[in-house]
Amino acid sequence: MQLIGVDTQRAYDRIREMIISLVLEPGALVDEHALADQLNFGVTPIREALKLLAHDNLIEVSKHQGIYVSRISTEDLKLLSEVRVLLEGATARMAAQRAKEDDILVMEALIDEQKGIPEEDKRAWFEIDHKLHQAIAAAAHNRYLGESLEYYFGLSQRLWYLVLPKLKYLSRSVEEHADLVKSIKERNPDKAGEIMVSHVRSFYQKVHEIIEAEQG
């Protein structure tokens, strides 16, 4: 297995964050040399980082168009939602079966923190949402599942930033999170899985509606 150099990893992390947060927008052309100057890296780690990001489907390389940030399509959205619904539902069910007391305490603390965030502070709300999904994955006690979820969550983060200003159902989502954690605490895997599947599907449906409205 080939090890990733420190500079390549750092360049990867920086560029990935720029893509996810839409600093580099979908479809934007990427100039390796300009990016190296901007981020104060050599061209080689930038080039290697872009290869890794292409493997993550965040960068595309075309003979005719050059290197550019992957576009977001409704078809990709559909495929991504199918995978996340399956994985997140299974994770919630496992968490209800395997969560330890400390796992429950972490989830409950995150719920309390999320309840205290003003709805207009959507970025802070999103960060807690991510931590909660990570906590549920940790409570499932299957690191391979957790790693898979984090990969697909990373692909979904761009969708969050894309639609964040237009999402209006965050207060209801907090209630769903509370019900989900309660079902995990009560050791009810079927209910936990059902709530999680509904929660994830609802998010992707909202994203789909917003993207279609903008493209239509």
C-alpha atoms as a PDB file:
ATOM      1  CA  MET A   1       0.000   0.000   0.000  1.00  0.00           C
ATOM      2  CA  GLN A   2       1.460   3.344  -1.030  1.00  0.00           C
ATOM      3  CA  LEU A   3       1.700   5.894   1.766  1.00  0.00           C
ATOM      4  CA  ILE A   4       0.455   9.436   1.149  1.00  0.00           C
ATOM      5  CA  GLY A   5       3.061  12.155   1.735  1.00  0.00           C
ATOM      6  CA  VAL A   6       2.424  14.748   4.437  1.00  0.00           C
ATOM      7  CA  ASP A   7       2.228  17.632   1.954  1.00  0.00           C
ATOM      8  CA  THR A   8      -0.099  15.656  -0.312  1.00  0.00           C
ATOM      9  CA  GLN A   9      -2.412  14.909   2.627  1.00  0.00           C
ATOM     10  CA  ARG A  10      -2.414  18.545   3.708  1.00  0.00           C
ATOM     11  CA  ALA A  11      -3.081  19.717   0.156  1.00  0.00           C
ATOM     12  CA  TYR A  12      -5.862  17.142  -0.169  1.00  0.00           C
ATOM     13  CA  ASP A  13      -7.519  18.335   3.051  1.00  0.00           C
ATOM     14  CA  ARG A  14      -7.344  22.005   2.016  1.00  0.00           C
ATOM     15  CA  ILE A  15      -8.684  21.478  -1.509  1.00  0.00           C
ATOM     16  CA  ARG A  16     -11.391  19.090  -0.327  1.00  0.00           C
ATOM     17  CA  GLU A  17     -12.605  21.696   2.161  1.00  0.00           C
ATOM     18  CA  MET A  18     -12.655  24.311  -0.607  1.00  0.00           C
ATOM     19  CA  ILE A  19     -14.775  22.013  -2.790  1.00  0.00           C
ATOM     20  CA  ILE A  20     -17.169  20.973  -0.030  1.00  0.00           C
ATOM     21  CA  SER A  21     -17.715  24.543   1.184  1.00  0.00           C
ATOM     22  CA  LEU A  22     -18.205  25.708  -2.447  1.00  0.00           C
ATOM     23  CA  VAL A  23     -15.190  28.028  -2.439  1.00  0.00           C
ATOM     24  CA  LEU A  24     -14.415  25.960  -5.533  1.00  0.00           C
ATOM     25  CA  GLU A  25     -17.849  25.732  -7.124  1.00  0.00           C
ATOM     26  CA  PRO A  26     -19.206  22.774  -9.125  1.00  0.00           C
ATOM     27  CA  GLY A  27     -17.860  22.961 -12.665  1.00  0.00           C
ATOM     28  CA  ALA A  28     -15.053  25.387 -11.777  1.00  0.00           C
ATOM     29  CA  LEU A  29     -11.795  24.866 -13.682  1.00  0.00           C
ATOM     30  CA  VAL A  30      -8.785  24.010 -11.538  1.00  0.00           C
ATOM     31  CA  ASP A  31      -5.338  25.373 -12.351  1.00  0.00           C
ATOM     32  CA  GLU A  32      -2.681  23.290 -10.588  1.00  0.00           C
ATOM     33  CA  HIS A  33      -0.081  26.075 -10.598  1.00  0.00           C
ATOM     34  CA  ALA A  34      -2.491  28.772  -9.414  1.00  0.00           C
ATOM     35  CA  LEU A  35      -3.741  26.463  -6.654  1.00  0.00           C
ATOM     36  CA  ALA A  36      -0.170  25.675  -5.597  1.00  0.00           C
ATOM     37  CA  ASP A  37       0.595  29.419  -5.304  1.00  0.00           C
ATOM     38  CA  GLN A  38      -2.658  30.128  -3.468  1.00  0.00           C
ATOM     39  CA  LEU A  39      -2.183  27.352  -0.909  1.00  0.00           C
ATOM     40  CA  ASN A  40       1.608  27.677  -0.676  1.00  0.00           C
ATOM     41  CA  PHE A  41       2.337  24.102  -1.784  1.00  0.00           C
ATOM     42  CA  GLY A  42       4.515  22.667  -4.503  1.00  0.00           C
ATOM     43  CA  VAL A  43       2.843  21.568  -7.729  1.00  0.00           C
ATOM     44  CA  THR A  44       3.572  17.873  -7.078  1.00  0.00           C
ATOM     45  CA  PRO A  45       1.515  17.527  -3.849  1.00  0.00           C
ATOM     46  CA  ILE A  46      -1.291  19.544  -5.469  1.00  0.00           C
ATOM     47  CA  ARG A  47      -1.278  17.210  -8.467  1.00  0.00           C
ATOM     48  CA  GLU A  48      -1.286  14.124  -6.230  1.00  0.00           C
ATOM     49  CA  ALA A  49      -4.068  15.580  -4.083  1.00  0.00           C
ATOM     50  CA  LEU A  50      -6.188  16.206  -7.177  1.00  0.00           C
ATOM     51  CA  LYS A  51      -5.757  12.553  -8.178  1.00  0.00           C
ATOM     52  CA  LEU A  52      -7.066  11.492  -4.769  1.00  0.00           C
ATOM     53  CA  LEU A  53      -9.990  13.893  -5.084  1.00  0.00           C
ATOM     54  CA  ALA A  54     -10.756  12.468  -8.522  1.00  0.00           C
ATOM     55  CA  HIS A  55     -10.931   9.047  -6.863  1.00  0.00           C
ATOM     56  CA  ASP A  56     -13.427  10.603  -4.409  1.00  0.00           C
ATOM     57  CA  ASN A  57     -15.515  11.854  -7.360  1.00  0.00           C
ATOM     58  CA  LEU A  58     -14.982  15.475  -6.326  1.00  0.00           C
ATOM     59  CA  ILE A  59     -12.635  16.286  -9.222  1.00  0.00           C
ATOM     60  CA  GLU A  60     -12.948  15.296 -12.871  1.00  0.00           C
ATOM     61  CA  VAL A  61     -10.231  15.236 -15.514  1.00  0.00           C
ATOM     62  CA  SER A  62     -11.129  15.648 -19.184  1.00  0.00           C
ATOM     63  CA  LYS A  63      -8.875  15.807 -22.232  1.00  0.00           C
ATOM     64  CA  HIS A  64     -11.061  18.556 -23.653  1.00  0.00           C
ATOM     65  CA  GLN A  65     -12.136  20.477 -20.535  1.00  0.00           C
ATOM     66  CA  GLY A  66      -9.065  20.007 -18.355  1.00  0.00           C
ATOM     67  CA  ILE A  67      -9.355  19.591 -14.583  1.00  0.00           C
ATOM     68  CA  TYR A  68     -12.567  20.804 -12.983  1.00  0.00           C
ATOM     69  CA  VAL A  69     -14.699  20.392  -9.888  1.00  0.00           C
ATOM     70  CA  SER A  70     -17.325  17.692 -10.358  1.00  0.00           C
ATOM     71  CA  ARG A  71     -20.773  19.040 -11.091  1.00  0.00           C
ATOM     72  CA  ILE A  72     -23.798  18.109  -9.014  1.00  0.00           C
ATOM     73  CA  SER A  73     -26.538  16.375 -10.975  1.00  0.00           C
ATOM     74  CA  THR A  74     -29.947  15.099  -9.933  1.00  0.00           C
ATOM     75  CA  GLU A  75     -28.874  11.614 -11.069  1.00  0.00           C
ATOM     76  CA  ASP A  76     -25.832  11.683  -8.767  1.00  0.00           C
ATOM     77  CA  LEU A  77     -28.111  12.954  -6.028  1.00  0.00           C
ATOM     78  CA  LYS A  78     -30.427   9.969  -6.520  1.00  0.00           C
ATOM     79  CA  LEU A  79     -27.581   7.447  -6.435  1.00  0.00           C
ATOM     80  CA  LEU A  80     -25.996   9.049  -3.373  1.00  0.00           C
ATOM     81  CA  SER A  81     -29.300   9.103  -1.511  1.00  0.00           C
ATOM     82  CA  GLU A  82     -29.857   5.390  -2.202  1.00  0.00           C
ATOM     83  CA  VAL A  83     -26.510   4.495  -0.646  1.00  0.00           C
ATOM     84  CA  ARG A  84     -26.845   6.756   2.368  1.00  0.00           C
ATOM     85  CA  VAL A  85     -30.374   5.581   3.140  1.00  0.00           C
ATOM     86  CA  LEU A  86     -29.151   1.971   3.272  1.00  0.00           C
ATOM     87  CA  LEU A  87     -26.019   2.688   5.305  1.00  0.00           C
ATOM     88  CA  GLU A  88     -27.565   5.183   7.732  1.00  0.00           C
ATOM     89  CA  GLY A  89     -30.567   2.940   8.373  1.00  0.00           C
ATOM     90  CA  ALA A  90     -28.314  -0.042   9.123  1.00  0.00           C
ATOM     91  CA  THR A  91     -26.126   2.118  11.356  1.00  0.00           C
ATOM     92  CA  ALA A  92     -29.067   3.340  13.438  1.00  0.00           C
ATOM     93  CA  ARG A  93     -30.279  -0.224  13.915  1.00  0.00           C
ATOM     94  CA  MET A  94     -26.827  -1.404  15.006  1.00  0.00           C
ATOM     95  CA  ALA A  95     -26.484   1.564  17.360  1.00  0.00           C
ATOM     96  CA  ALA A  96     -29.771   0.601  19.045  1.00  0.00           C
ATOM     97  CA  GLN A  97     -28.354  -2.884  19.605  1.00  0.00           C
ATOM     98  CA  ARG A  98     -24.773  -2.020  20.547  1.00  0.00           C
ATOM     99  CA  ALA A  99     -24.627   1.490  22.025  1.00  0.00           C
ATOM    100  CA  LYS A 100     -22.874   1.774  25.376  1.00  0.00           C
ATOM    101  CA  GLU A 101     -23.877   4.218  28.099  1.00  0.00           C
ATOM    102  CA  ASP A 102     -21.131   6.672  27.105  1.00  0.00           C
ATOM    103  CA  ASP A 103     -22.360   6.592  23.499  1.00  0.00           C
ATOM    104  CA  ILE A 104     -25.857   7.564  24.625  1.00  0.00           C
ATOM    105  CA  LEU A 105     -24.512  10.408  26.763  1.00  0.00           C
ATOM    106  CA  VAL A 106     -22.599  11.840  23.799  1.00  0.00           C
ATOM    107  CA  MET A 107     -25.664  11.709  21.562  1.00  0.00           C
ATOM    108  CA  GLU A 108     -27.893  13.311  24.178  1.00  0.00           C
ATOM    109  CA  ALA A 109     -25.355  16.099  24.741  1.00  0.00           C
ATOM    110  CA  LEU A 110     -25.286  16.818  21.006  1.00  0.00           C
ATOM    111  CA  ILE A 111     -29.093  16.937  20.895  1.00  0.00           C
ATOM    112  CA  ASP A 112     -29.103  19.471  23.758  1.00  0.00           C
ATOM    113  CA  GLU A 113     -26.446  21.527  21.973  1.00  0.00           C
ATOM    114  CA  GLN A 114     -28.376  21.477  18.719  1.00  0.00           C
ATOM    115  CA  LYS A 115     -31.594  22.580  20.441  1.00  0.00           C
ATOM    116  CA  GLY A 116     -29.768  25.680  21.680  1.00  0.00           C
ATOM    117  CA  ILE A 117     -28.618  26.801  18.225  1.00  0.00           C
ATOM    118  CA  PRO A 118     -30.738  29.551  16.608  1.00  0.00           C
ATOM    119  CA  GLU A 119     -32.346  28.275  13.392  1.00  0.00           C
ATOM    120  CA  GLU A 120     -30.769  31.103  11.406  1.00  0.00           C
ATOM    121  CA  ASP A 121     -27.284  29.826  12.348  1.00  0.00           C
ATOM    122  CA  LYS A 122     -27.537  26.999   9.846  1.00  0.00           C
ATOM    123  CA  ARG A 123     -23.810  26.399   9.526  1.00  0.00           C
ATOM    124  CA  ALA A 124     -23.460  25.695  13.257  1.00  0.00           C
ATOM    125  CA  TRP A 125     -26.550  23.482  13.094  1.00  0.00           C
ATOM    126  CA  PHE A 126     -25.012  21.537  10.224  1.00  0.00           C
ATOM    127  CA  GLU A 127     -21.769  20.966  12.137  1.00  0.00           C
ATOM    128  CA  ILE A 128     -23.684  19.480  15.075  1.00  0.00           C
ATOM    129  CA  ASP A 129     -25.742  17.363  12.671  1.00  0.00           C
ATOM    130  CA  HIS A 130     -22.508  15.915  11.298  1.00  0.00           C
ATOM    131  CA  LYS A 131     -21.189  15.196  14.797  1.00  0.00           C
ATOM    132  CA  LEU A 132     -24.448  13.476  15.719  1.00  0.00           C
ATOM    133  CA  HIS A 133     -24.298  11.192  12.692  1.00  0.00           C
ATOM    134  CA  GLN A 134     -20.689  10.413  13.590  1.00  0.00           C
ATOM    135  CA  ALA A 135     -21.733   9.630  17.176  1.00  0.00           C
ATOM    136  CA  ILE A 136     -24.438   7.251  15.981  1.00  0.00           C
ATOM    137  CA  ALA A 137     -21.913   5.564  13.694  1.00  0.00           C
ATOM    138  CA  ALA A 138     -19.497   5.241  16.620  1.00  0.00           C
ATOM    139  CA  ALA A 139     -22.296   3.689  18.702  1.00  0.00           C
ATOM    140  CA  ALA A 140     -22.726   1.001  16.035  1.00  0.00           C
ATOM    141  CA  HIS A 141     -19.169  -0.133  16.856  1.00  0.00           C
ATOM    142  CA  ASN A 142     -18.235  -1.123  13.311  1.00  0.00           C
ATOM    143  CA  ARG A 143     -15.321   0.960  12.070  1.00  0.00           C
ATOM    144  CA  TYR A 144     -15.690  -0.168   8.452  1.00  0.00           C
ATOM    145  CA  LEU A 145     -19.267   1.025   8.404  1.00  0.00           C
ATOM    146  CA  GLY A 146     -18.187   4.265  10.060  1.00  0.00           C
ATOM    147  CA  GLU A 147     -15.494   4.871   7.441  1.00  0.00           C
ATOM    148  CA  SER A 148     -17.964   4.220   4.613  1.00  0.00           C
ATOM    149  CA  LEU A 149     -20.492   6.613   6.130  1.00  0.00           C
ATOM    150  CA  GLU A 150     -17.898   9.349   6.491  1.00  0.00           C
ATOM    151  CA  TYR A 151     -16.930   8.999   2.830  1.00  0.00           C
ATOM    152  CA  TYR A 152     -20.500   9.359   1.608  1.00  0.00           C
ATOM    153  CA  PHE A 153     -21.241  12.078   4.136  1.00  0.00           C
ATOM    154  CA  GLY A 154     -18.309  13.992   2.646  1.00  0.00           C
ATOM    155  CA  LEU A 155     -19.889  13.783  -0.788  1.00  0.00           C
ATOM    156  CA  SER A 156     -23.165  15.011   0.714  1.00  0.00           C
ATOM    157  CA  GLN A 157     -21.582  18.020   2.409  1.00  0.00           C
ATOM    158  CA  ARG A 158     -21.485  19.966  -0.850  1.00  0.00           C
ATOM    159  CA  LEU A 159     -25.245  19.518  -1.080  1.00  0.00           C
ATOM    160  CA  TRP A 160     -25.616  20.973   2.382  1.00  0.00           C
ATOM    161  CA  TYR A 161     -23.636  24.090   1.532  1.00  0.00           C
ATOM    162  CA  LEU A 162     -25.492  24.407  -1.764  1.00  0.00           C
ATOM    163  CA  VAL A 163     -28.966  24.430  -0.221  1.00  0.00           C
ATOM    164  CA  LEU A 164     -28.230  25.585   3.336  1.00  0.00           C
ATOM    165  CA  PRO A 165     -29.611  29.127   2.896  1.00  0.00           C
ATOM    166  CA  LYS A 166     -32.902  27.711   1.593  1.00  0.00           C
ATOM    167  CA  LEU A 167     -33.558  24.940   4.096  1.00  0.00           C
ATOM    168  CA  LYS A 168     -36.518  25.731   6.332  1.00  0.00           C
ATOM    169  CA  TYR A 169     -37.196  22.515   8.200  1.00  0.00           C
ATOM    170  CA  LEU A 170     -34.348  22.501  10.700  1.00  0.00           C
ATOM    171  CA  SER A 171     -36.527  22.712  13.830  1.00  0.00           C
ATOM    172  CA  ARG A 172     -38.467  19.616  12.735  1.00  0.00           C
ATOM    173  CA  SER A 173     -35.198  17.860  12.011  1.00  0.00           C
ATOM    174  CA  VAL A 174     -34.038  18.486  15.590  1.00  0.00           C
ATOM    175  CA  GLU A 175     -37.200  16.731  16.807  1.00  0.00           C
ATOM    176  CA  GLU A 176     -36.408  13.793  14.516  1.00  0.00           C
ATOM    177  CA  HIS A 177     -32.897  13.614  15.958  1.00  0.00           C
ATOM    178  CA  ALA A 178     -34.286  13.560  19.506  1.00  0.00           C
ATOM    179  CA  ASP A 179     -36.726  10.763  18.634  1.00  0.00           C
ATOM    180  CA  LEU A 180     -33.910   8.845  16.958  1.00  0.00           C
ATOM    181  CA  VAL A 181     -31.615   9.037  19.965  1.00  0.00           C
ATOM    182  CA  LYS A 182     -34.518   8.069  22.236  1.00  0.00           C
ATOM    183  CA  SER A 183     -35.196   4.950  20.167  1.00  0.00           C
ATOM    184  CA  ILE A 184     -31.499   4.030  20.314  1.00  0.00           C
ATOM    185  CA  LYS A 185     -31.514   4.505  24.089  1.00  0.00           C
ATOM    186  CA  GLU A 186     -34.642   2.324  24.366  1.00  0.00           C
ATOM    187  CA  ARG A 187     -32.933  -0.427  22.344  1.00  0.00           C
ATOM    188  CA  ASN A 188     -35.520  -0.318  19.565  1.00  0.00           C
ATOM    189  CA  PRO A 189     -33.568  -1.071  16.352  1.00  0.00           C
ATOM    190  CA  ASP A 190     -36.605  -1.177  14.058  1.00  0.00           C
ATOM    191  CA  LYS A 191     -37.832   2.244  15.146  1.00  0.00           C
ATOM    192  CA  ALA A 192     -34.312   3.707  15.064  1.00  0.00           C
ATOM    193  CA  GLY A 193     -33.797   2.452  11.529  1.00  0.00           C
ATOM    194  CA  GLU A 194     -37.211   3.713  10.426  1.00  0.00           C
ATOM    195  CA  ILE A 195     -36.611   7.217  11.821  1.00  0.00           C
ATOM    196  CA  MET A 196     -33.134   7.442  10.299  1.00  0.00           C
ATOM    197  CA  VAL A 197     -34.297   6.313   6.852  1.00  0.00           C
ATOM    198  CA  SER A 198     -37.142   8.836   6.899  1.00  0.00           C
ATOM    199  CA  HIS A 199     -34.760  11.572   8.080  1.00  0.00           C
ATOM    200  CA  VAL A 200     -32.187  10.976   5.354  1.00  0.00           C
ATOM    201  CA  ARG A 201     -34.799  10.594   2.614  1.00  0.00           C
ATOM    202  CA  SER A 202     -36.460  13.831   3.675  1.00  0.00           C
ATOM    203  CA  PHE A 203     -33.170  15.709   3.398  1.00  0.00           C
ATOM    204  CA  TYR A 204     -32.433  14.443  -0.101  1.00  0.00           C
ATOM    205  CA  GLN A 205     -35.982  15.183  -1.200  1.00  0.00           C
ATOM    206  CA  LYS A 206     -35.575  18.799  -0.066  1.00  0.00           C
ATOM    207  CA  VAL A 207     -32.236  19.056  -1.887  1.00  0.00           C
ATOM    208  CA  HIS A 208     -33.765  17.578  -5.038  1.00  0.00           C
ATOM    209  CA  GLU A 209     -36.632  20.074  -4.959  1.00  0.00           C
ATOM    210  CA  ILE A 210     -34.273  23.027  -4.526  1.00  0.00           C
ATOM    211  CA  ILE A 211     -31.883  21.920  -7.286  1.00  0.00           C
ATOM    212  CA  GLU A 212     -34.736  21.214  -9.707  1.00  0.00           C
ATOM    213  CA  ALA A 213     -36.264  24.637  -8.986  1.00  0.00           C
ATOM    214  CA  GLU A 214     -32.929  26.341  -9.710  1.00  0.00           C
ATOM    215  CA  GLN A 215     -32.320  24.353 -12.877  1.00  0.00           C
ATOM    216  CA  GLY A 216     -35.925  24.555 -14.112  1.00  0.00           C
END
